[in-house]
Amino acid sequence: MKKLLITLLVLLGIGAVAVVSCPDRQDHKDAIMEVVSGAINDGLQTSDKESQGLSAILGSVGSSIAGQLLENRLTVKNYFVCSIGEIKDLDGEDQRVSVGVFGHVFTGDKEQLKEAISGK
């Protein structure tokens, strides 16, 4: 009986920590933007000195556009102990792109996000 009570108290404590530290919409958006910004920067990297300035400008514009797309298309479902971020793809279907639990948001890699947004 004592072991059962201790087990229940530990599970209750873990559940309480999960509820308190559940990531919100902004946390999901920040994590996804980090991956998207990395993808944009990878695509714009160049060794040409003249093109580096242009790449920096295009990178900031691309990040701004990606931020607006996320603002409009990202929905986060909160399940108290975890949260799930979904993006509506071009076909109108919701694609799961992030999962948040214990204060951390896990996202897919660059290719998975690209597929989720395009719906392919």
N, C-alpha and C. Protein backbone atom coordinates (compact mmCIF):
# COMPACT_ATOMS: atom_id res chain seq x y z
N MET A 1 0.83 -1.21 0.00
CA MET A 1 0.00 0.00 0.00
C MET A 1 0.87 1.26 0.00
N LYS A 2 1.97 1.19 0.75
CA LYS A 2 2.86 2.35 0.83
C LYS A 2 3.52 2.62 -0.52
N LYS A 3 3.93 1.56 -1.24
CA LYS A 3 4.55 1.74 -2.55
C LYS A 3 3.57 2.34 -3.55
N LEU A 4 2.32 1.92 -3.47
CA LEU A 4 1.29 2.45 -4.36
C LEU A 4 1.09 3.94 -4.11
N LEU A 5 1.05 4.34 -2.86
CA LEU A 5 0.86 5.74 -2.52
C LEU A 5 2.04 6.58 -3.00
N ILE A 6 3.25 6.08 -2.82
CA ILE A 6 4.45 6.81 -3.27
C ILE A 6 4.44 6.92 -4.80
N THR A 7 4.08 5.84 -5.48
CA THR A 7 4.01 5.85 -6.94
C THR A 7 3.00 6.87 -7.43
N LEU A 8 1.84 6.91 -6.81
CA LEU A 8 0.81 7.87 -7.18
C LEU A 8 1.26 9.31 -6.94
N LEU A 9 1.94 9.55 -5.83
CA LEU A 9 2.44 10.90 -5.54
C LEU A 9 3.51 11.33 -6.55
N VAL A 10 4.39 10.41 -6.94
CA VAL A 10 5.41 10.73 -7.93
C VAL A 10 4.76 11.04 -9.27
N LEU A 11 3.80 10.22 -9.69
CA LEU A 11 3.10 10.47 -10.95
C LEU A 11 2.34 11.79 -10.92
N LEU A 12 1.71 12.09 -9.80
CA LEU A 12 1.01 13.36 -9.64
C LEU A 12 1.98 14.53 -9.73
N GLY A 13 3.15 14.40 -9.12
CA GLY A 13 4.17 15.45 -9.19
C GLY A 13 4.67 15.67 -10.61
N ILE A 14 4.93 14.57 -11.33
CA ILE A 14 5.38 14.68 -12.72
C ILE A 14 4.30 15.34 -13.57
N GLY A 15 3.05 14.95 -13.35
CA GLY A 15 1.94 15.56 -14.09
C GLY A 15 1.82 17.05 -13.80
N ALA A 16 1.99 17.43 -12.54
CA ALA A 16 1.91 18.85 -12.17
C ALA A 16 3.02 19.65 -12.84
N VAL A 17 4.23 19.11 -12.88
CA VAL A 17 5.34 19.80 -13.54
C VAL A 17 5.06 19.93 -15.03
N ALA A 18 4.50 18.88 -15.64
CA ALA A 18 4.18 18.92 -17.07
C ALA A 18 3.13 20.00 -17.36
N VAL A 19 2.13 20.12 -16.51
CA VAL A 19 1.08 21.12 -16.72
C VAL A 19 1.64 22.53 -16.59
N VAL A 20 2.45 22.75 -15.58
CA VAL A 20 3.00 24.09 -15.34
C VAL A 20 3.98 24.50 -16.44
N SER A 21 4.74 23.56 -16.97
CA SER A 21 5.77 23.89 -17.94
C SER A 21 5.36 23.65 -19.39
N CYS A 22 4.09 23.45 -19.65
CA CYS A 22 3.61 23.19 -21.01
C CYS A 22 3.86 24.41 -21.90
N PRO A 23 4.57 24.23 -23.03
CA PRO A 23 4.89 25.36 -23.92
C PRO A 23 3.63 25.96 -24.56
N ASP A 24 3.66 27.27 -24.75
CA ASP A 24 2.52 27.96 -25.37
C ASP A 24 2.78 28.20 -26.85
N ARG A 25 1.89 28.94 -27.49
CA ARG A 25 1.97 29.18 -28.94
C ARG A 25 3.25 29.91 -29.32
N GLN A 26 3.65 30.89 -28.53
CA GLN A 26 4.86 31.65 -28.84
C GLN A 26 6.09 30.76 -28.79
N ASP A 27 6.15 29.83 -27.85
CA ASP A 27 7.28 28.90 -27.77
C ASP A 27 7.36 28.04 -29.02
N HIS A 28 6.20 27.58 -29.50
CA HIS A 28 6.18 26.78 -30.73
C HIS A 28 6.64 27.62 -31.92
N LYS A 29 6.14 28.85 -31.99
CA LYS A 29 6.50 29.73 -33.10
C LYS A 29 8.01 30.01 -33.10
N ASP A 30 8.58 30.27 -31.93
CA ASP A 30 10.01 30.54 -31.84
C ASP A 30 10.84 29.34 -32.28
N ALA A 31 10.45 28.15 -31.86
CA ALA A 31 11.19 26.94 -32.22
C ALA A 31 11.12 26.67 -33.72
N ILE A 32 9.94 26.86 -34.30
CA ILE A 32 9.79 26.63 -35.74
C ILE A 32 10.55 27.69 -36.52
N MET A 33 10.51 28.94 -36.08
CA MET A 33 11.23 30.01 -36.76
C MET A 33 12.74 29.78 -36.74
N GLU A 34 13.23 29.17 -35.67
CA GLU A 34 14.65 28.85 -35.59
C GLU A 34 15.04 27.87 -36.71
N VAL A 35 14.21 26.86 -36.93
CA VAL A 35 14.47 25.88 -37.99
C VAL A 35 14.33 26.53 -39.36
N VAL A 36 13.28 27.34 -39.53
CA VAL A 36 13.04 28.00 -40.82
C VAL A 36 14.18 28.98 -41.13
N SER A 37 14.62 29.74 -40.16
CA SER A 37 15.73 30.68 -40.37
C SER A 37 17.00 29.94 -40.76
N GLY A 38 17.24 28.79 -40.13
CA GLY A 38 18.40 27.98 -40.50
C GLY A 38 18.31 27.50 -41.93
N ALA A 39 17.11 27.11 -42.36
CA ALA A 39 16.92 26.65 -43.73
C ALA A 39 17.13 27.80 -44.72
N ILE A 40 16.63 28.98 -44.38
CA ILE A 40 16.81 30.14 -45.26
C ILE A 40 18.29 30.50 -45.36
N ASN A 41 18.97 30.51 -44.23
CA ASN A 41 20.39 30.86 -44.24
C ASN A 41 21.22 29.83 -45.00
N ASP A 42 20.87 28.55 -44.88
CA ASP A 42 21.58 27.51 -45.63
C ASP A 42 21.41 27.72 -47.13
N GLY A 43 20.21 28.11 -47.54
CA GLY A 43 19.95 28.31 -48.95
C GLY A 43 20.60 29.56 -49.52
N LEU A 44 20.90 30.52 -48.66
CA LEU A 44 21.46 31.79 -49.15
C LEU A 44 22.96 31.93 -48.94
N GLN A 45 23.60 30.93 -48.35
CA GLN A 45 25.03 31.06 -48.08
C GLN A 45 25.80 31.12 -49.38
N THR A 46 26.74 32.05 -49.40
CA THR A 46 27.57 32.25 -50.57
C THR A 46 28.96 32.69 -50.13
N SER A 47 29.95 32.43 -50.96
CA SER A 47 31.31 32.86 -50.62
C SER A 47 31.67 34.18 -51.32
N ASP A 48 30.85 34.62 -52.22
CA ASP A 48 31.09 35.86 -52.95
C ASP A 48 30.84 37.04 -52.02
N LYS A 49 31.83 37.92 -51.87
CA LYS A 49 31.72 39.06 -50.94
C LYS A 49 30.58 40.00 -51.31
N GLU A 50 30.37 40.24 -52.59
CA GLU A 50 29.32 41.16 -53.02
C GLU A 50 27.94 40.58 -52.76
N SER A 51 27.83 39.28 -52.85
CA SER A 51 26.53 38.64 -52.68
C SER A 51 26.17 38.45 -51.21
N GLN A 52 27.12 38.57 -50.30
CA GLN A 52 26.83 38.35 -48.89
C GLN A 52 25.87 39.40 -48.35
N GLY A 53 26.00 40.64 -48.76
CA GLY A 53 25.07 41.69 -48.32
C GLY A 53 23.67 41.42 -48.82
N LEU A 54 23.58 41.03 -50.08
CA LEU A 54 22.28 40.69 -50.66
C LEU A 54 21.67 39.49 -49.95
N SER A 55 22.51 38.51 -49.62
CA SER A 55 22.04 37.32 -48.91
C SER A 55 21.48 37.69 -47.54
N ALA A 56 22.13 38.62 -46.86
CA ALA A 56 21.67 39.05 -45.54
C ALA A 56 20.30 39.73 -45.65
N ILE A 57 20.14 40.56 -46.67
CA ILE A 57 18.85 41.24 -46.87
C ILE A 57 17.76 40.23 -47.22
N LEU A 58 18.06 39.33 -48.14
CA LEU A 58 17.08 38.32 -48.52
C LEU A 58 16.74 37.41 -47.35
N GLY A 59 17.73 37.11 -46.52
CA GLY A 59 17.49 36.28 -45.35
C GLY A 59 16.53 36.93 -44.37
N SER A 60 16.70 38.24 -44.15
CA SER A 60 15.80 38.93 -43.22
C SER A 60 14.39 39.06 -43.80
N VAL A 61 14.29 39.28 -45.11
CA VAL A 61 12.98 39.36 -45.75
C VAL A 61 12.30 38.00 -45.70
N GLY A 62 13.06 36.94 -45.99
CA GLY A 62 12.51 35.58 -45.94
C GLY A 62 12.05 35.21 -44.54
N SER A 63 12.81 35.60 -43.53
CA SER A 63 12.41 35.32 -42.15
C SER A 63 11.15 36.09 -41.79
N SER A 64 11.05 37.32 -42.28
CA SER A 64 9.86 38.13 -42.00
C SER A 64 8.62 37.51 -42.64
N ILE A 65 8.77 37.06 -43.89
CA ILE A 65 7.64 36.42 -44.57
C ILE A 65 7.26 35.12 -43.88
N ALA A 66 8.26 34.34 -43.49
CA ALA A 66 8.00 33.08 -42.79
C ALA A 66 7.30 33.35 -41.46
N GLY A 67 7.70 34.41 -40.78
CA GLY A 67 7.05 34.76 -39.52
C GLY A 67 5.58 35.10 -39.71
N GLN A 68 5.26 35.83 -40.78
CA GLN A 68 3.86 36.16 -41.07
C GLN A 68 3.06 34.92 -41.43
N LEU A 69 3.67 34.02 -42.21
CA LEU A 69 2.98 32.77 -42.55
C LEU A 69 2.68 31.95 -41.30
N LEU A 70 3.65 31.88 -40.40
CA LEU A 70 3.43 31.14 -39.16
C LEU A 70 2.34 31.80 -38.33
N GLU A 71 2.35 33.11 -38.29
CA GLU A 71 1.34 33.84 -37.51
C GLU A 71 -0.06 33.50 -38.00
N ASN A 72 -0.22 33.35 -39.31
CA ASN A 72 -1.55 33.09 -39.87
C ASN A 72 -1.93 31.61 -39.90
N ARG A 73 -0.95 30.72 -40.05
CA ARG A 73 -1.26 29.32 -40.31
C ARG A 73 -0.97 28.37 -39.16
N LEU A 74 -0.29 28.83 -38.11
CA LEU A 74 0.07 27.95 -37.00
C LEU A 74 -1.04 27.91 -35.96
N THR A 75 -1.45 26.71 -35.62
CA THR A 75 -2.38 26.52 -34.51
C THR A 75 -1.70 25.60 -33.51
N VAL A 76 -1.91 25.88 -32.23
CA VAL A 76 -1.33 25.06 -31.17
C VAL A 76 -2.47 24.54 -30.31
N LYS A 77 -2.51 23.22 -30.20
CA LYS A 77 -3.52 22.56 -29.37
C LYS A 77 -2.87 22.22 -28.04
N ASN A 78 -3.49 22.70 -26.96
CA ASN A 78 -2.96 22.48 -25.62
C ASN A 78 -3.71 21.32 -24.98
N TYR A 79 -2.97 20.28 -24.59
CA TYR A 79 -3.54 19.11 -23.93
C TYR A 79 -3.10 19.05 -22.47
N PHE A 80 -2.91 20.19 -21.84
CA PHE A 80 -2.52 20.38 -20.45
C PHE A 80 -1.11 19.89 -20.14
N VAL A 81 -0.76 18.65 -20.45
CA VAL A 81 0.58 18.15 -20.15
C VAL A 81 1.51 18.27 -21.35
N CYS A 82 0.95 18.49 -22.52
CA CYS A 82 1.75 18.71 -23.73
C CYS A 82 0.96 19.60 -24.67
N SER A 83 1.64 20.11 -25.68
CA SER A 83 0.97 20.91 -26.70
C SER A 83 1.50 20.49 -28.06
N ILE A 84 0.64 20.59 -29.07
CA ILE A 84 1.00 20.16 -30.41
C ILE A 84 0.77 21.32 -31.37
N GLY A 85 1.80 21.64 -32.16
CA GLY A 85 1.72 22.71 -33.15
C GLY A 85 1.43 22.12 -34.52
N GLU A 86 0.47 22.72 -35.21
CA GLU A 86 0.08 22.26 -36.54
C GLU A 86 0.03 23.44 -37.49
N ILE A 87 0.43 23.19 -38.73
CA ILE A 87 0.37 24.20 -39.78
C ILE A 87 -0.60 23.71 -40.84
N LYS A 88 -1.46 24.61 -41.28
CA LYS A 88 -2.39 24.28 -42.37
C LYS A 88 -1.62 24.34 -43.68
N ASP A 89 -1.56 23.21 -44.40
CA ASP A 89 -0.81 23.19 -45.66
C ASP A 89 -1.64 23.78 -46.79
N LEU A 90 -1.09 23.79 -47.99
CA LEU A 90 -1.75 24.40 -49.14
C LEU A 90 -3.04 23.69 -49.53
N ASP A 91 -3.17 22.41 -49.14
CA ASP A 91 -4.39 21.65 -49.42
C ASP A 91 -5.45 21.86 -48.35
N GLY A 92 -5.14 22.63 -47.31
CA GLY A 92 -6.09 22.89 -46.24
C GLY A 92 -6.06 21.86 -45.12
N GLU A 93 -5.11 20.94 -45.17
CA GLU A 93 -5.00 19.90 -44.14
C GLU A 93 -4.01 20.34 -43.07
N ASP A 94 -4.28 19.95 -41.82
CA ASP A 94 -3.37 20.27 -40.72
C ASP A 94 -2.23 19.26 -40.69
N GLN A 95 -1.00 19.77 -40.64
CA GLN A 95 0.20 18.94 -40.57
C GLN A 95 0.90 19.23 -39.24
N ARG A 96 1.19 18.19 -38.47
CA ARG A 96 1.87 18.35 -37.19
C ARG A 96 3.32 18.71 -37.44
N VAL A 97 3.78 19.82 -36.85
CA VAL A 97 5.15 20.26 -37.05
C VAL A 97 5.95 20.39 -35.75
N SER A 98 5.27 20.37 -34.61
CA SER A 98 6.00 20.49 -33.34
C SER A 98 5.19 19.87 -32.20
N VAL A 99 5.95 19.43 -31.20
CA VAL A 99 5.36 18.88 -29.98
C VAL A 99 6.09 19.51 -28.81
N GLY A 100 5.33 20.03 -27.86
CA GLY A 100 5.94 20.67 -26.71
C GLY A 100 5.59 19.96 -25.42
N VAL A 101 6.60 19.71 -24.61
CA VAL A 101 6.39 19.06 -23.32
C VAL A 101 7.54 19.46 -22.38
N PHE A 102 7.24 19.63 -21.11
CA PHE A 102 8.22 19.99 -20.09
C PHE A 102 9.04 21.22 -20.46
N GLY A 103 8.40 22.22 -21.05
CA GLY A 103 9.06 23.48 -21.36
C GLY A 103 9.92 23.47 -22.60
N HIS A 104 9.90 22.39 -23.36
CA HIS A 104 10.71 22.32 -24.58
C HIS A 104 9.82 21.98 -25.77
N VAL A 105 10.15 22.56 -26.92
CA VAL A 105 9.40 22.30 -28.15
C VAL A 105 10.29 21.51 -29.09
N PHE A 106 9.81 20.35 -29.52
CA PHE A 106 10.52 19.51 -30.47
C PHE A 106 9.91 19.72 -31.85
N THR A 107 10.76 20.01 -32.83
CA THR A 107 10.28 20.24 -34.19
C THR A 107 10.92 19.22 -35.13
N GLY A 108 10.36 19.14 -36.31
CA GLY A 108 10.96 18.31 -37.34
C GLY A 108 12.15 19.04 -37.93
N ASP A 109 12.83 18.39 -38.86
CA ASP A 109 13.95 19.06 -39.51
C ASP A 109 13.45 19.94 -40.65
N LYS A 110 14.36 20.55 -41.38
CA LYS A 110 14.02 21.50 -42.44
C LYS A 110 13.15 20.86 -43.52
N GLU A 111 13.49 19.65 -43.90
CA GLU A 111 12.75 18.97 -44.97
C GLU A 111 11.32 18.64 -44.52
N GLN A 112 11.15 18.21 -43.28
CA GLN A 112 9.81 17.89 -42.79
C GLN A 112 8.93 19.14 -42.73
N LEU A 113 9.50 20.26 -42.32
CA LEU A 113 8.73 21.50 -42.30
C LEU A 113 8.35 21.94 -43.71
N LYS A 114 9.27 21.79 -44.64
CA LYS A 114 8.99 22.15 -46.03
C LYS A 114 7.85 21.29 -46.59
N GLU A 115 7.87 19.99 -46.28
CA GLU A 115 6.80 19.09 -46.74
C GLU A 115 5.47 19.44 -46.08
N ALA A 116 5.51 19.80 -44.79
CA ALA A 116 4.28 20.13 -44.09
C ALA A 116 3.64 21.38 -44.66
N ILE A 117 4.44 22.37 -45.00
CA ILE A 117 3.88 23.61 -45.53
C ILE A 117 3.36 23.41 -46.95
N SER A 118 4.10 22.65 -47.75
CA SER A 118 3.68 22.47 -49.15
C SER A 118 2.58 21.44 -49.31
N GLY A 119 2.43 20.54 -48.33
CA GLY A 119 1.39 19.52 -48.40
C GLY A 119 1.77 18.32 -49.24
N LYS A 120 3.05 18.14 -49.51
CA LYS A 120 3.52 17.01 -50.33
C LYS A 120 4.13 15.96 -49.49
